[in-house]
Amino acid sequence: MQPAVTHEMQSLNSRIVAGVSWSCVGTVISSGLTFLASLTVARILGESGFGELAMIQSTAHMVSVCAVFGLGLFTTKFIAEYRVQQPERAASIVVLALITATVTGSLASAMLYVFAPHLARSTLAAEHLGTALQISSVLLLVTALESVLHGVLSGLESFRAISTVIALKGICAFPLLAAGATFAGLNGVLVGMVAAGCVGLALSAWCVMRELKTHNIRLHNRKTFADWNLIISFGLPAFLSMAIFAASEWSARTILVNHSDGYSELGAFNAADRFFAALLLISSLLNRPLVPVVSHELSIAGHGQAAAALGFTMKMNAIVVLPFVIVGAVLSPFLMGLFGAKFTNDWPALVIVLAAAGIAAVLGPIGHWIVASRRLWLNVAQYSVWGVSLITLTYVFMSWGATGLALARLGAYGIHGILILFTARKLIFTGHGLPSPKTSHVWKSLFGGVRRSV
């Protein structure tokens, strides 16, 4: 490798490592406190109540996809592309995204609030959850706006600011969730989530204004809607990918709760899912710099560096996440017992969930690369297959309760993994002037530069 290219690779990897490092600081604090809060909430609400919380969160997440509409990825992608060469256009992107998020977030919140009683009664088989769903509807607008603000910070590669916001939000969330569960049960937990979300939104807004000023990007209302076509061409497939994912997860859980002792089984699955979420959170930290870095490199024709950045990120995911998968599987009875004695016997669900997390973490960066290269309709197709697989397998394994849902998810990620590996072989280097006739050549191209640069 030529010295100049080696220097470029080292600079690229240092940007990724710097972004990951700052992201880790805040998220370790936040996720640690959130996990402790989950343990507290699970012990207070019990297995069935914890299952009800999981169903409320899954329902809110499904509807929140309509609120977010892929705007987080949209802002990350185009702020990263335009922040240096076209700062005025970057400013227009910020304003457009905020306006769109306000509209979609408000509509989604209103829709969930109005239909919550009917949804709880007819679909969730739990009429008493209507009020809880209405409380969670407030989160949709908060989530939409916060997604845009975090997208702006990511696009500016202001990972230190994101880390600060996440840490402070986590510090506030822990006492709010614990107090809510203690004094008001399930509804109290949801009120605590709303309060923590509002704190995070305010902090994110302050950080965005400061970072925009630092990068000499001044918000204005000139040509605000000139890039509306980008929301359609980029945001629509991003929205559909997330919608398919969220709707499939929600449908699988709905199938389970309508089965015998469904909410208790979902409570056990939710306990195991806390570890799944923790590992994917670690993976998201490692992947967070990938979209802005690859977007920026592709915008300046740095295709080789972009491919090597993908390989570097996949390798980091394998090195960091897989040891947690192995250790977690060995300690699964103990880890499930942390949520309460009733959860201990469901340790097989945790082992299976951790295996799915390992697959998702190691192969996940390929999906981020697809986003950065604007091949989002490919993500839509892959998530469609994933969703159909998850729902079909949930029906197959439904009688096994929490373990059955875990098996269905593992099977879906296995099928998705095969598809995304095929993508890595056939499409990643297409149009970049790099050869990819054989799988071995792809991995050599991906990881060869990584070994020489680390």
Protein backbone atom coordinates (compact mmCIF):
# COMPACT_ATOMS: atom_id res chain seq x y z
CA MET A 1 0.00 0.00 0.00
CA GLN A 2 1.32 3.45 -0.89
CA PRO A 3 2.27 5.75 2.04
CA ALA A 4 -0.35 8.36 1.08
CA VAL A 5 -3.09 5.74 0.97
CA THR A 6 -1.91 4.28 4.28
CA HIS A 7 -2.15 7.72 5.86
CA GLU A 8 -5.68 8.17 4.48
CA MET A 9 -6.72 4.79 5.90
CA GLN A 10 -5.23 5.59 9.29
CA SER A 11 -7.03 8.96 9.30
CA LEU A 12 -10.31 7.28 8.32
CA ASN A 13 -9.99 4.63 11.02
CA SER A 14 -9.08 7.26 13.60
CA ARG A 15 -12.30 9.13 12.79
CA ILE A 16 -14.29 5.94 13.32
CA VAL A 17 -12.47 5.09 16.56
CA ALA A 18 -12.89 8.65 17.87
CA GLY A 19 -16.62 8.53 17.16
CA VAL A 20 -16.97 5.13 18.80
CA SER A 21 -14.97 6.21 21.86
CA TRP A 22 -17.11 9.24 22.57
CA SER A 23 -20.31 7.30 21.92
CA CYS A 24 -19.22 4.61 24.38
CA VAL A 25 -18.70 7.04 27.25
CA GLY A 26 -22.26 8.30 27.29
CA THR A 27 -23.95 5.07 26.35
CA VAL A 28 -22.17 2.95 28.97
CA ILE A 29 -23.50 5.30 31.65
CA SER A 30 -26.99 5.49 30.12
CA SER A 31 -27.40 1.79 29.32
CA GLY A 32 -26.05 0.75 32.71
CA LEU A 33 -28.56 2.90 34.54
CA THR A 34 -31.36 1.87 32.17
CA PHE A 35 -30.57 -1.79 32.78
CA LEU A 36 -30.66 -1.26 36.55
CA ALA A 37 -33.98 0.51 36.12
CA SER A 38 -35.27 -2.48 34.11
CA LEU A 39 -34.31 -4.84 36.92
CA THR A 40 -36.12 -2.65 39.43
CA VAL A 41 -39.20 -2.30 37.25
CA ALA A 42 -39.34 -6.07 36.53
CA ARG A 43 -39.20 -6.93 40.23
CA ILE A 44 -41.95 -4.42 41.04
CA LEU A 45 -44.30 -5.20 38.13
CA GLY A 46 -43.71 -8.96 38.06
CA GLU A 47 -43.50 -11.21 35.01
CA SER A 48 -46.95 -10.38 33.63
CA GLY A 49 -46.63 -6.64 34.28
CA PHE A 50 -43.20 -6.61 32.66
CA GLY A 51 -44.79 -8.31 29.67
CA GLU A 52 -47.45 -5.59 29.51
CA LEU A 53 -44.71 -2.95 29.53
CA ALA A 54 -42.99 -4.77 26.66
CA MET A 55 -46.20 -4.79 24.64
CA ILE A 56 -46.78 -1.08 25.25
CA GLN A 57 -43.22 -0.27 24.21
CA SER A 58 -43.47 -2.46 21.11
CA THR A 59 -46.75 -0.80 20.08
CA ALA A 60 -45.37 2.69 20.64
CA HIS A 61 -42.22 1.79 18.72
CA MET A 62 -44.25 0.51 15.78
CA VAL A 63 -46.27 3.73 15.54
CA SER A 64 -43.17 5.87 16.19
CA VAL A 65 -41.76 4.66 12.88
CA CYS A 66 -44.48 6.74 11.20
CA ALA A 67 -43.43 9.70 13.34
CA VAL A 68 -39.71 9.39 12.64
CA PHE A 69 -40.20 8.57 8.92
CA GLY A 70 -36.50 7.78 8.46
CA LEU A 71 -35.59 11.39 9.24
CA GLY A 72 -32.72 10.47 11.56
CA LEU A 73 -30.85 8.64 8.80
CA PHE A 74 -31.90 11.33 6.33
CA THR A 75 -30.29 14.13 8.34
CA THR A 76 -27.17 12.09 9.15
CA LYS A 77 -26.62 11.21 5.49
CA PHE A 78 -27.11 14.65 3.95
CA ILE A 79 -25.59 16.77 6.70
CA ALA A 80 -22.45 14.62 6.33
CA GLU A 81 -22.47 15.22 2.57
CA TYR A 82 -23.20 18.96 2.56
CA ARG A 83 -21.70 20.32 5.78
CA VAL A 84 -18.37 21.32 4.18
CA GLN A 85 -19.06 22.05 0.55
CA GLN A 86 -22.66 23.34 0.78
CA PRO A 87 -23.33 24.62 4.34
CA GLU A 88 -26.43 26.59 3.26
CA ARG A 89 -27.98 23.46 1.85
CA ALA A 90 -27.11 21.62 5.07
CA ALA A 91 -28.98 24.32 6.99
CA SER A 92 -32.03 23.83 4.76
CA ILE A 93 -31.90 20.09 5.39
CA VAL A 94 -32.00 20.69 9.17
CA VAL A 95 -35.03 23.01 8.95
CA LEU A 96 -36.86 20.71 6.53
CA ALA A 97 -36.29 17.68 8.75
CA LEU A 98 -37.47 19.49 11.89
CA ILE A 99 -40.65 20.72 10.21
CA THR A 100 -41.40 17.27 8.82
CA ALA A 101 -40.73 15.60 12.19
CA THR A 102 -43.06 18.02 13.95
CA VAL A 103 -45.88 17.21 11.52
CA THR A 104 -45.39 13.44 11.40
CA GLY A 105 -44.73 13.21 15.15
CA SER A 106 -47.87 15.16 16.02
CA LEU A 107 -50.03 13.09 13.67
CA ALA A 108 -48.65 9.80 15.00
CA SER A 109 -49.15 10.87 18.62
CA ALA A 110 -52.73 11.93 17.95
CA MET A 111 -53.48 8.71 16.07
CA LEU A 112 -52.20 6.47 18.87
CA TYR A 113 -53.99 8.52 21.56
CA VAL A 114 -57.34 8.28 19.77
CA PHE A 115 -57.16 4.59 18.87
CA ALA A 116 -55.44 3.37 22.06
CA PRO A 117 -58.59 2.09 23.84
CA HIS A 118 -59.77 0.14 20.78
CA LEU A 119 -56.28 -1.25 20.14
CA ALA A 120 -55.90 -2.43 23.74
CA ARG A 121 -59.31 -4.08 23.77
CA SER A 122 -59.38 -5.77 20.35
CA THR A 123 -55.73 -6.52 19.51
CA LEU A 124 -53.78 -6.70 22.76
CA ALA A 125 -56.52 -8.58 24.64
CA ALA A 126 -56.02 -6.22 27.60
CA GLU A 127 -58.56 -3.40 27.79
CA HIS A 128 -56.91 -1.97 30.91
CA LEU A 129 -53.83 -1.02 28.86
CA GLY A 130 -55.70 1.74 27.00
CA THR A 131 -54.58 4.49 29.38
CA ALA A 132 -50.98 3.26 29.27
CA LEU A 133 -51.00 3.43 25.47
CA GLN A 134 -52.35 6.98 25.61
CA ILE A 135 -49.53 8.04 27.94
CA SER A 136 -46.96 6.48 25.61
CA SER A 137 -48.39 8.44 22.66
CA VAL A 138 -46.62 11.57 23.94
CA LEU A 139 -43.30 9.83 23.33
CA LEU A 140 -43.88 9.69 19.58
CA LEU A 141 -43.45 13.43 18.98
CA VAL A 142 -40.48 13.54 21.35
CA THR A 143 -38.87 10.58 19.58
CA ALA A 144 -39.36 12.11 16.12
CA LEU A 145 -37.73 15.41 17.05
CA GLU A 146 -34.92 13.78 19.02
CA SER A 147 -34.17 11.47 16.08
CA VAL A 148 -33.65 14.47 13.80
CA LEU A 149 -31.46 16.28 16.33
CA HIS A 150 -29.27 13.22 16.87
CA GLY A 151 -29.09 12.80 13.10
CA VAL A 152 -27.76 16.35 12.79
CA LEU A 153 -25.12 15.74 15.47
CA SER A 154 -24.08 12.46 13.81
CA GLY A 155 -23.84 14.13 10.41
CA LEU A 156 -21.55 16.76 11.92
CA GLU A 157 -19.55 13.92 13.55
CA SER A 158 -20.23 15.60 16.91
CA PHE A 159 -20.15 12.33 18.81
CA ARG A 160 -18.98 13.95 22.03
CA ALA A 161 -22.19 15.99 22.14
CA ILE A 162 -24.31 12.89 21.54
CA SER A 163 -22.42 11.11 24.31
CA THR A 164 -23.14 13.94 26.75
CA VAL A 165 -26.85 13.98 25.93
CA ILE A 166 -27.23 10.21 26.24
CA ALA A 167 -25.39 10.12 29.57
CA LEU A 168 -27.42 12.92 31.14
CA LYS A 169 -30.67 11.46 29.86
CA GLY A 170 -29.78 8.08 31.38
CA ILE A 171 -28.93 9.68 34.71
CA CYS A 172 -32.36 11.34 34.77
CA ALA A 173 -34.22 8.25 33.54
CA PHE A 174 -33.09 5.85 36.28
CA PRO A 175 -34.74 7.59 39.26
CA LEU A 176 -37.78 8.57 37.18
CA LEU A 177 -38.50 4.99 36.07
CA ALA A 178 -37.81 3.48 39.48
CA ALA A 179 -39.99 6.05 41.26
CA GLY A 180 -42.75 5.69 38.67
CA ALA A 181 -42.88 1.92 39.07
CA THR A 182 -42.86 2.18 42.86
CA PHE A 183 -45.64 4.73 43.23
CA ALA A 184 -47.82 4.26 40.14
CA GLY A 185 -46.98 0.89 38.57
CA LEU A 186 -47.01 0.55 34.78
CA ASN A 187 -48.45 4.01 34.12
CA GLY A 188 -45.84 5.54 36.40
CA VAL A 189 -43.05 3.90 34.41
CA LEU A 190 -44.44 5.37 31.19
CA VAL A 191 -44.73 8.86 32.73
CA GLY A 192 -41.10 8.52 33.77
CA MET A 193 -40.15 7.63 30.20
CA VAL A 194 -41.95 10.69 28.86
CA ALA A 195 -40.21 12.96 31.38
CA ALA A 196 -36.78 11.49 30.56
CA GLY A 197 -37.50 11.89 26.84
CA CYS A 198 -38.32 15.58 27.29
CA VAL A 199 -35.04 16.10 29.17
CA GLY A 200 -33.13 14.40 26.35
CA LEU A 201 -34.94 16.50 23.73
CA ALA A 202 -34.07 19.78 25.44
CA LEU A 203 -30.41 18.78 25.82
CA SER A 204 -30.23 17.64 22.19
CA ALA A 205 -31.66 20.93 20.93
CA TRP A 206 -29.10 22.93 22.91
CA CYS A 207 -26.22 20.80 21.60
CA VAL A 208 -27.41 21.08 17.99
CA MET A 209 -27.54 24.88 18.12
CA ARG A 210 -24.05 25.00 19.59
CA GLU A 211 -22.58 22.58 17.05
CA LEU A 212 -24.21 24.31 14.08
CA LYS A 213 -22.66 27.57 15.22
CA THR A 214 -19.27 25.86 15.55
CA HIS A 215 -19.52 24.58 11.96
CA ASN A 216 -20.71 27.98 10.65
CA ILE A 217 -24.07 26.58 9.57
CA ARG A 218 -26.78 29.18 10.07
CA LEU A 219 -30.41 28.08 10.00
CA HIS A 220 -32.67 29.93 7.58
CA ASN A 221 -35.99 29.45 5.83
CA ARG A 222 -34.72 30.07 2.30
CA LYS A 223 -35.38 27.17 -0.07
CA THR A 224 -36.48 25.09 2.90
CA PHE A 225 -38.57 22.74 0.75
CA ALA A 226 -36.18 22.61 -2.20
CA ASP A 227 -34.88 19.23 -1.01
CA TRP A 228 -38.29 17.71 -0.37
CA ASN A 229 -37.57 15.20 -3.13
CA LEU A 230 -34.70 13.84 -1.00
CA ILE A 231 -37.10 12.96 1.79
CA ILE A 232 -39.19 11.01 -0.71
CA SER A 233 -36.28 9.28 -2.46
CA PHE A 234 -34.24 8.61 0.71
CA GLY A 235 -36.68 8.91 3.60
CA LEU A 236 -39.43 6.76 2.11
CA PRO A 237 -37.40 3.55 1.75
CA ALA A 238 -35.74 4.21 5.13
CA PHE A 239 -39.22 4.57 6.63
CA LEU A 240 -40.46 1.40 4.96
CA SER A 241 -37.47 -0.60 6.24
CA MET A 242 -38.07 0.53 9.81
CA ALA A 243 -41.84 0.11 9.46
CA ILE A 244 -41.49 -3.48 8.29
CA PHE A 245 -39.06 -4.22 11.13
CA ALA A 246 -41.23 -2.64 13.85
CA ALA A 247 -44.49 -4.07 12.53
CA SER A 248 -43.02 -7.56 12.32
CA GLU A 249 -41.69 -7.42 15.89
CA TRP A 250 -45.03 -6.10 17.11
CA SER A 251 -46.99 -8.75 15.20
CA ALA A 252 -44.85 -11.55 16.64
CA ARG A 253 -45.41 -10.27 20.18
CA THR A 254 -49.12 -9.85 19.54
CA ILE A 255 -49.30 -13.48 18.45
CA LEU A 256 -47.64 -14.49 21.72
CA VAL A 257 -49.80 -12.40 24.08
CA ASN A 258 -52.97 -13.81 22.54
CA HIS A 259 -51.74 -17.31 23.41
CA SER A 260 -52.21 -19.00 26.78
CA ASP A 261 -50.40 -17.11 29.57
CA GLY A 262 -49.11 -14.79 26.86
CA TYR A 263 -48.18 -11.75 28.93
CA SER A 264 -46.12 -13.81 31.38
CA GLU A 265 -44.29 -15.44 28.47
CA LEU A 266 -43.73 -12.04 26.90
CA GLY A 267 -42.42 -10.80 30.24
CA ALA A 268 -39.82 -13.56 30.23
CA PHE A 269 -38.91 -12.78 26.64
CA ASN A 270 -38.68 -9.08 27.49
CA ALA A 271 -36.17 -9.86 30.25
CA ALA A 272 -33.99 -11.78 27.76
CA ASP A 273 -34.53 -9.02 25.23
CA ARG A 274 -32.89 -6.49 27.59
CA PHE A 275 -29.59 -8.27 26.91
CA PHE A 276 -30.32 -8.39 23.18
CA ALA A 277 -30.93 -4.64 23.27
CA ALA A 278 -27.73 -4.06 25.25
CA LEU A 279 -25.61 -5.93 22.70
CA LEU A 280 -27.23 -4.16 19.77
CA LEU A 281 -26.67 -0.89 21.60
CA ILE A 282 -22.97 -1.70 21.78
CA SER A 283 -23.09 -2.57 18.08
CA SER A 284 -24.88 0.68 17.27
CA LEU A 285 -22.08 2.56 19.02
CA LEU A 286 -19.52 0.83 16.84
CA ASN A 287 -21.64 1.48 13.73
CA ARG A 288 -22.65 5.07 14.51
CA PRO A 289 -19.70 6.74 12.73
CA LEU A 290 -20.06 4.49 9.67
CA VAL A 291 -22.89 6.28 7.83
CA PRO A 292 -21.44 9.82 8.13
CA VAL A 293 -17.88 8.66 7.41
CA VAL A 294 -18.82 6.47 4.43
CA SER A 295 -21.24 9.12 3.11
CA HIS A 296 -18.49 11.72 3.24
CA GLU A 297 -15.95 9.40 1.58
CA LEU A 298 -18.34 8.41 -1.20
CA SER A 299 -19.17 12.09 -1.82
CA ILE A 300 -15.47 12.74 -2.56
CA ALA A 301 -15.01 9.49 -4.52
CA GLY A 302 -13.20 7.72 -1.69
CA HIS A 303 -14.72 4.35 -2.58
CA GLY A 304 -11.79 2.22 -1.48
CA GLN A 305 -11.66 3.95 1.90
CA ALA A 306 -15.43 3.50 2.30
CA ALA A 307 -15.15 -0.27 1.69
CA ALA A 308 -12.26 -0.55 4.14
CA ALA A 309 -14.26 1.41 6.74
CA LEU A 310 -16.99 -1.23 6.44
CA GLY A 311 -14.52 -4.04 7.01
CA PHE A 312 -12.96 -2.24 9.96
CA THR A 313 -16.38 -1.77 11.58
CA MET A 314 -17.43 -5.40 11.04
CA LYS A 315 -14.21 -6.57 12.62
CA MET A 316 -14.75 -4.31 15.65
CA ASN A 317 -18.27 -5.71 16.08
CA ALA A 318 -16.99 -9.29 16.05
CA ILE A 319 -14.16 -8.58 18.51
CA VAL A 320 -16.33 -6.62 20.96
CA VAL A 321 -19.76 -8.30 20.79
CA LEU A 322 -19.08 -12.02 20.39
CA PRO A 323 -17.29 -12.44 23.78
CA PHE A 324 -20.38 -10.97 25.46
CA VAL A 325 -22.54 -13.49 23.59
CA ILE A 326 -20.47 -16.41 24.86
CA VAL A 327 -20.19 -15.20 28.46
CA GLY A 328 -23.89 -14.28 28.55
CA ALA A 329 -24.90 -17.75 27.35
CA VAL A 330 -22.80 -19.42 30.05
CA LEU A 331 -24.24 -17.18 32.77
CA SER A 332 -27.80 -17.17 31.39
CA PRO A 333 -29.56 -18.71 34.46
CA PHE A 334 -27.90 -16.18 36.76
CA LEU A 335 -28.60 -13.24 34.44
CA MET A 336 -32.28 -14.11 34.05
CA GLY A 337 -32.55 -14.54 37.83
CA LEU A 338 -31.59 -10.90 38.29
CA PHE A 339 -35.10 -9.99 37.14
CA GLY A 340 -36.69 -12.20 39.78
CA ALA A 341 -36.94 -15.86 40.72
CA LYS A 342 -39.75 -16.55 38.24
CA PHE A 343 -37.53 -15.53 35.32
CA THR A 344 -34.72 -18.03 36.04
CA ASN A 345 -36.31 -21.03 34.32
CA ASP A 346 -36.51 -19.10 31.04
CA TRP A 347 -32.72 -19.03 30.58
CA PRO A 348 -32.88 -20.99 27.25
CA ALA A 349 -34.65 -17.97 25.73
CA LEU A 350 -31.68 -15.79 26.71
CA VAL A 351 -29.16 -18.16 25.09
CA ILE A 352 -31.10 -18.11 21.82
CA VAL A 353 -31.61 -14.33 21.95
CA LEU A 354 -27.87 -13.79 22.45
CA ALA A 355 -27.09 -15.95 19.41
CA ALA A 356 -29.42 -13.77 17.31
CA ALA A 357 -27.73 -10.65 18.68
CA GLY A 358 -24.33 -11.97 17.61
CA ILE A 359 -25.51 -12.45 14.02
CA ALA A 360 -27.21 -9.04 13.92
CA ALA A 361 -24.19 -7.22 15.36
CA VAL A 362 -21.50 -8.69 13.11
CA LEU A 363 -23.47 -8.33 9.86
CA GLY A 364 -25.25 -5.09 10.77
CA PRO A 365 -22.57 -2.74 9.36
CA ILE A 366 -23.37 -3.98 5.84
CA GLY A 367 -26.85 -2.48 6.25
CA HIS A 368 -25.31 0.84 7.28
CA TRP A 369 -23.08 0.76 4.22
CA ILE A 370 -26.17 0.20 2.05
CA VAL A 371 -27.78 3.28 3.63
CA ALA A 372 -24.68 5.42 3.03
CA SER A 373 -24.53 4.31 -0.60
CA ARG A 374 -28.25 5.15 -1.14
CA ARG A 375 -29.31 1.57 -1.93
CA LEU A 376 -32.16 1.75 0.57
CA TRP A 377 -34.69 -0.21 -1.50
CA LEU A 378 -32.40 -3.19 -1.08
CA ASN A 379 -32.86 -2.83 2.69
CA VAL A 380 -36.62 -2.77 2.18
CA ALA A 381 -36.50 -6.07 0.30
CA GLN A 382 -34.26 -7.73 2.89
CA TYR A 383 -36.36 -6.59 5.85
CA SER A 384 -39.49 -7.81 4.06
CA VAL A 385 -38.00 -11.31 3.95
CA TRP A 386 -36.92 -10.93 7.60
CA GLY A 387 -40.40 -9.87 8.66
CA VAL A 388 -42.20 -12.68 6.84
CA SER A 389 -39.73 -15.17 8.32
CA LEU A 390 -40.23 -13.86 11.87
CA ILE A 391 -44.03 -13.95 11.75
CA THR A 392 -44.13 -17.38 10.08
CA LEU A 393 -41.68 -18.91 12.55
CA THR A 394 -43.54 -17.34 15.49
CA TYR A 395 -46.66 -19.26 14.48
CA VAL A 396 -44.54 -22.42 14.16
CA PHE A 397 -42.94 -22.10 17.62
CA MET A 398 -45.83 -20.32 19.37
CA SER A 399 -46.53 -23.17 21.79
CA TRP A 400 -43.01 -22.84 23.23
CA GLY A 401 -43.75 -19.38 24.64
CA ALA A 402 -40.77 -17.10 25.25
CA THR A 403 -38.32 -19.70 23.93
CA GLY A 404 -40.40 -20.10 20.78
CA LEU A 405 -40.37 -16.36 20.08
CA ALA A 406 -36.60 -16.35 20.63
CA LEU A 407 -36.21 -19.23 18.14
CA ALA A 408 -38.36 -17.39 15.60
CA ARG A 409 -36.15 -14.31 15.88
CA LEU A 410 -32.97 -16.39 15.55
CA GLY A 411 -34.33 -18.07 12.43
CA ALA A 412 -35.30 -14.71 10.92
CA TYR A 413 -31.85 -13.25 11.56
CA GLY A 414 -30.25 -16.37 10.11
CA ILE A 415 -32.19 -15.98 6.86
CA HIS A 416 -31.48 -12.26 6.81
CA GLY A 417 -27.79 -12.99 7.41
CA ILE A 418 -27.61 -15.20 4.32
CA LEU A 419 -29.18 -12.44 2.22
CA ILE A 420 -26.90 -9.72 3.54
CA LEU A 421 -23.78 -11.86 2.97
CA PHE A 422 -24.93 -12.32 -0.60
CA THR A 423 -25.20 -8.52 -0.78
CA ALA A 424 -21.66 -8.15 0.50
CA ARG A 425 -20.44 -10.46 -2.23
CA LYS A 426 -22.41 -9.09 -5.16
CA LEU A 427 -23.23 -5.42 -4.60
CA ILE A 428 -20.86 -3.61 -2.24
CA PHE A 429 -18.18 -3.04 -4.86
CA THR A 430 -20.51 -2.62 -7.83
CA GLY A 431 -19.65 0.54 -9.73
CA HIS A 432 -16.58 1.24 -7.65
CA GLY A 433 -14.05 -0.28 -9.99
CA LEU A 434 -13.19 -2.98 -7.47
CA PRO A 435 -13.32 -6.68 -8.32
CA SER A 436 -15.72 -9.03 -6.58
CA PRO A 437 -15.94 -12.24 -8.64
CA LYS A 438 -15.61 -14.54 -5.64
CA THR A 439 -16.59 -14.37 -1.99
CA SER A 440 -12.96 -14.78 -0.95
CA HIS A 441 -12.04 -11.72 -2.99
CA VAL A 442 -14.70 -9.67 -1.24
CA TRP A 443 -13.45 -10.51 2.23
CA LYS A 444 -9.85 -9.99 1.14
CA SER A 445 -10.77 -6.54 -0.17
CA LEU A 446 -12.74 -5.75 2.98
CA PHE A 447 -10.29 -6.92 5.60
CA GLY A 448 -6.96 -6.74 3.79
CA GLY A 449 -6.82 -2.97 4.11
CA VAL A 450 -7.96 -3.22 7.72
CA ARG A 451 -5.09 -5.49 8.73
CA ARG A 452 -2.61 -3.12 7.14
CA SER A 453 -4.09 -0.07 8.85
CA VAL A 454 -4.59 -1.21 12.46
